[in-house]
Amino acid sequence: MKTPKLLALLATFGAAAFFAVAADAPAPDASTAAPAAPATYSVTLTSTHMCCGNCVKGAATAVKGIDGVTAVGSQADKSIVVTAPDKATAQKAVDALTGAGFYGKSSSDDIKVSSDTGATATKVSSITISNLHLCCGKCVTAVNGILSGVSGVTANDAKTGAKSFTVTGDFSPKDVMDALQKGGLTGKVVATVPEAKS
């Protein structure tokens, strides 16, 4: 039977041998080391219109052609999380989302959400709006609800899947677009009919 002194001696010798081998081990070869994970930049758009699964898909589709970018919409949070390789690409993705009719508040001061719609404050009797996100009946219902609260608006012909639609009445185009953006939607005013003179 081994004595405690002998066991202690063996343990000491083993530890010394281990550290000697470890000290002599060559440093890892940088060429075979695992590559570092690529850096990413993330920004969240909040208060966006995100009423259904098609809205979620629409956000993802809007950035599909931009390398290294994802846009993940959330119906529960009314948000879109954009992940990109860098800040410049994230900005490009956010521009693509607004171009597809999505609008929201950026979580980053470095990433701007364009509010430019081409709308003026001069009253008109009709405007045509293009590129506003209208993927489903819920989107149309949301637009109808928003526009019903804008002073002077009497009607609109928004339909599911429409690339453009017309708003009529006696109103300010800026009031219309500001209200739509407050509801998480945006677009461009592509035509106007001046206010009828009495």
Protein backbone atom coordinates (compact mmCIF):
# COMPACT_ATOMS: atom_id res chain seq x y z
CA MET A 1 0.00 0.00 0.00
CA LYS A 2 1.35 3.44 -0.97
CA THR A 3 2.11 5.84 1.84
CA PRO A 4 0.69 9.39 1.90
CA LYS A 5 4.24 10.75 1.44
CA LEU A 6 4.70 8.74 -1.75
CA LEU A 7 1.34 9.87 -3.11
CA ALA A 8 2.20 13.50 -2.41
CA LEU A 9 5.54 13.10 -4.19
CA LEU A 10 3.87 11.56 -7.25
CA ALA A 11 1.26 14.35 -7.38
CA THR A 12 3.99 17.02 -7.23
CA PHE A 13 6.00 15.34 -9.97
CA GLY A 14 2.92 15.01 -12.22
CA ALA A 15 1.99 18.68 -11.86
CA ALA A 16 5.55 19.77 -12.65
CA ALA A 17 5.64 17.57 -15.75
CA PHE A 18 2.29 18.97 -16.96
CA PHE A 19 3.40 22.61 -16.67
CA ALA A 20 6.72 21.85 -18.36
CA VAL A 21 4.94 20.33 -21.37
CA ALA A 22 2.45 23.22 -21.47
CA ALA A 23 5.28 25.77 -21.45
CA ASP A 24 6.98 24.04 -24.39
CA ALA A 25 3.78 23.76 -26.43
CA PRO A 26 3.86 25.87 -29.60
CA ALA A 27 1.58 28.93 -29.82
CA PRO A 28 -1.58 28.43 -31.92
CA ASP A 29 -1.07 29.06 -35.62
CA ALA A 30 -2.98 32.23 -36.57
CA SER A 31 -3.72 30.81 -40.02
CA THR A 32 -5.60 27.84 -38.52
CA ALA A 33 -7.34 29.72 -35.69
CA ALA A 34 -11.11 30.05 -35.98
CA PRO A 35 -12.05 33.36 -37.66
CA ALA A 36 -13.56 36.05 -35.47
CA ALA A 37 -17.30 36.56 -35.81
CA PRO A 38 -18.06 39.44 -38.19
CA ALA A 39 -19.02 42.72 -36.53
CA THR A 40 -22.67 43.66 -36.83
CA TYR A 41 -24.71 46.82 -36.37
CA SER A 42 -28.28 46.71 -35.13
CA VAL A 43 -31.04 49.33 -35.06
CA THR A 44 -34.71 49.02 -34.13
CA LEU A 45 -37.60 50.94 -35.66
CA THR A 46 -40.44 51.30 -33.15
CA SER A 47 -44.09 52.34 -33.59
CA THR A 48 -44.20 50.82 -37.07
CA HIS A 49 -47.35 49.47 -38.69
CA MET A 50 -47.03 45.70 -38.25
CA CYS A 51 -50.54 44.23 -38.23
CA CYS A 52 -50.03 40.73 -39.67
CA GLY A 53 -47.63 38.08 -40.89
CA ASN A 54 -47.59 39.66 -44.34
CA CYS A 55 -46.32 42.91 -42.82
CA VAL A 56 -43.52 40.90 -41.17
CA LYS A 57 -42.71 39.28 -44.54
CA GLY A 58 -42.92 42.66 -46.27
CA ALA A 59 -40.25 44.12 -44.00
CA ALA A 60 -37.94 41.16 -44.67
CA THR A 61 -38.56 41.42 -48.43
CA ALA A 62 -37.84 45.17 -48.47
CA VAL A 63 -34.18 44.55 -47.48
CA LYS A 64 -33.70 41.27 -49.33
CA GLY A 65 -31.36 42.70 -51.97
CA ILE A 66 -28.95 44.26 -49.46
CA ASP A 67 -26.03 41.95 -48.60
CA GLY A 68 -25.73 40.88 -44.96
CA VAL A 69 -28.95 42.57 -43.84
CA THR A 70 -31.99 41.17 -42.03
CA ALA A 71 -35.16 42.99 -41.00
CA VAL A 72 -37.24 41.14 -38.41
CA GLY A 73 -40.70 42.54 -37.77
CA SER A 74 -42.69 41.97 -34.60
CA GLN A 75 -46.47 42.26 -34.49
CA ALA A 76 -46.42 42.22 -30.68
CA ASP A 77 -43.91 45.08 -30.36
CA LYS A 78 -44.88 46.99 -33.54
CA SER A 79 -41.19 47.09 -34.36
CA ILE A 80 -38.61 46.09 -36.96
CA VAL A 81 -35.10 45.05 -35.88
CA VAL A 82 -32.52 45.68 -38.61
CA THR A 83 -29.16 43.90 -38.42
CA ALA A 84 -26.40 44.84 -40.87
CA PRO A 85 -22.63 44.46 -41.26
CA ASP A 86 -22.07 48.17 -40.51
CA LYS A 87 -23.80 51.50 -39.90
CA ALA A 88 -23.85 52.61 -43.55
CA THR A 89 -25.53 49.38 -44.62
CA ALA A 90 -28.04 49.68 -41.77
CA GLN A 91 -28.96 53.15 -43.04
CA LYS A 92 -29.43 51.73 -46.53
CA ALA A 93 -31.75 49.08 -45.09
CA VAL A 94 -33.83 51.64 -43.18
CA ASP A 95 -34.12 53.71 -46.38
CA ALA A 96 -35.37 50.57 -48.16
CA LEU A 97 -37.98 50.01 -45.44
CA THR A 98 -39.34 53.56 -45.74
CA GLY A 99 -39.32 53.11 -49.52
CA ALA A 100 -41.54 50.07 -48.99
CA GLY A 101 -44.01 52.08 -46.89
CA PHE A 102 -42.84 51.29 -43.33
CA TYR A 103 -42.22 54.14 -40.90
CA GLY A 104 -40.99 54.27 -37.32
CA LYS A 105 -38.70 55.84 -34.75
CA SER A 106 -35.02 54.86 -34.90
CA SER A 107 -33.36 53.54 -31.74
CA SER A 108 -30.08 55.09 -32.91
CA ASP A 109 -29.28 58.79 -33.33
CA ASP A 110 -26.92 57.75 -36.14
CA ILE A 111 -29.64 56.13 -38.26
CA LYS A 112 -32.18 58.53 -39.72
CA VAL A 113 -35.72 57.65 -40.82
CA SER A 114 -36.66 59.95 -43.68
CA SER A 115 -39.96 61.75 -43.20
CA ASP A 116 -39.80 63.33 -46.66
CA THR A 117 -43.03 62.51 -48.50
CA GLY A 118 -43.23 65.37 -50.98
CA ALA A 119 -46.31 66.70 -49.15
CA THR A 120 -46.97 70.41 -48.77
CA ALA A 121 -49.20 72.32 -46.35
CA THR A 122 -51.19 73.99 -49.18
CA LYS A 123 -54.75 72.69 -49.22
CA VAL A 124 -55.83 70.48 -52.12
CA SER A 125 -58.91 68.58 -53.22
CA SER A 126 -57.04 65.37 -54.05
CA ILE A 127 -53.68 63.65 -53.70
CA THR A 128 -52.31 60.37 -55.02
CA ILE A 129 -50.00 58.49 -52.64
CA SER A 130 -47.64 55.75 -53.85
CA ASN A 131 -45.56 53.06 -52.13
CA LEU A 132 -47.60 52.97 -48.93
CA HIS A 133 -47.64 49.50 -47.37
CA LEU A 134 -51.07 47.92 -48.06
CA CYS A 135 -50.52 44.17 -47.85
CA CYS A 136 -53.89 43.14 -46.39
CA GLY A 137 -57.37 44.19 -45.34
CA LYS A 138 -56.07 45.16 -41.88
CA CYS A 139 -53.66 47.62 -43.50
CA VAL A 140 -56.54 49.15 -45.48
CA THR A 141 -58.65 49.34 -42.31
CA ALA A 142 -55.76 51.08 -40.52
CA VAL A 143 -55.41 53.63 -43.34
CA ASN A 144 -59.16 54.28 -43.33
CA GLY A 145 -59.08 54.82 -39.58
CA ILE A 146 -56.11 57.18 -39.77
CA LEU A 147 -57.53 59.25 -42.63
CA SER A 148 -60.93 59.53 -41.00
CA GLY A 149 -59.27 61.63 -38.31
CA VAL A 150 -57.65 64.10 -40.73
CA SER A 151 -59.53 67.38 -41.07
CA GLY A 152 -61.08 67.85 -44.52
CA VAL A 153 -60.56 64.30 -45.82
CA THR A 154 -63.83 62.88 -47.14
CA ALA A 155 -62.80 59.67 -48.95
CA ASN A 156 -59.99 57.45 -50.18
CA ASP A 157 -59.77 54.42 -52.46
CA ALA A 158 -57.02 52.41 -50.73
CA LYS A 159 -57.23 48.69 -51.57
CA THR A 160 -55.26 45.61 -50.58
CA GLY A 161 -52.06 45.36 -52.61
CA ALA A 162 -52.51 48.76 -54.30
CA LYS A 163 -49.29 50.47 -55.41
CA SER A 164 -51.02 53.84 -55.14
CA PHE A 165 -54.33 55.30 -54.01
CA THR A 166 -56.16 58.62 -53.95
CA VAL A 167 -57.38 60.72 -51.04
CA THR A 168 -60.07 63.33 -51.70
CA GLY A 169 -61.71 66.24 -49.85
CA ASP A 170 -60.41 69.67 -48.88
CA PHE A 171 -57.28 69.14 -46.83
CA SER A 172 -53.56 69.64 -46.35
CA PRO A 173 -51.41 66.86 -47.85
CA LYS A 174 -48.93 67.39 -45.00
CA ASP A 175 -51.68 66.67 -42.45
CA VAL A 176 -52.47 63.41 -44.29
CA MET A 177 -48.87 62.21 -44.46
CA ASP A 178 -48.07 63.27 -40.88
CA ALA A 179 -51.07 61.23 -39.68
CA LEU A 180 -50.04 58.18 -41.72
CA GLN A 181 -46.48 58.36 -40.38
CA LYS A 182 -47.79 58.63 -36.83
CA GLY A 183 -49.57 55.35 -37.59
CA GLY A 184 -46.31 53.70 -38.72
CA LEU A 185 -46.89 54.03 -42.48
CA THR A 186 -45.34 56.25 -45.12
CA GLY A 187 -45.33 56.87 -48.85
CA LYS A 188 -44.83 59.54 -51.48
CA VAL A 189 -47.27 62.15 -52.76
CA VAL A 190 -46.99 61.71 -56.52
CA ALA A 191 -49.90 63.88 -57.73
CA THR A 192 -52.15 66.63 -56.38
CA VAL A 193 -55.29 68.41 -57.52
CA PRO A 194 -55.52 71.99 -56.22
CA GLU A 195 -58.21 73.07 -53.83
CA ALA A 196 -61.41 74.02 -55.64
CA LYS A 197 -61.96 77.78 -55.55
CA SER A 198 -65.47 78.97 -54.63
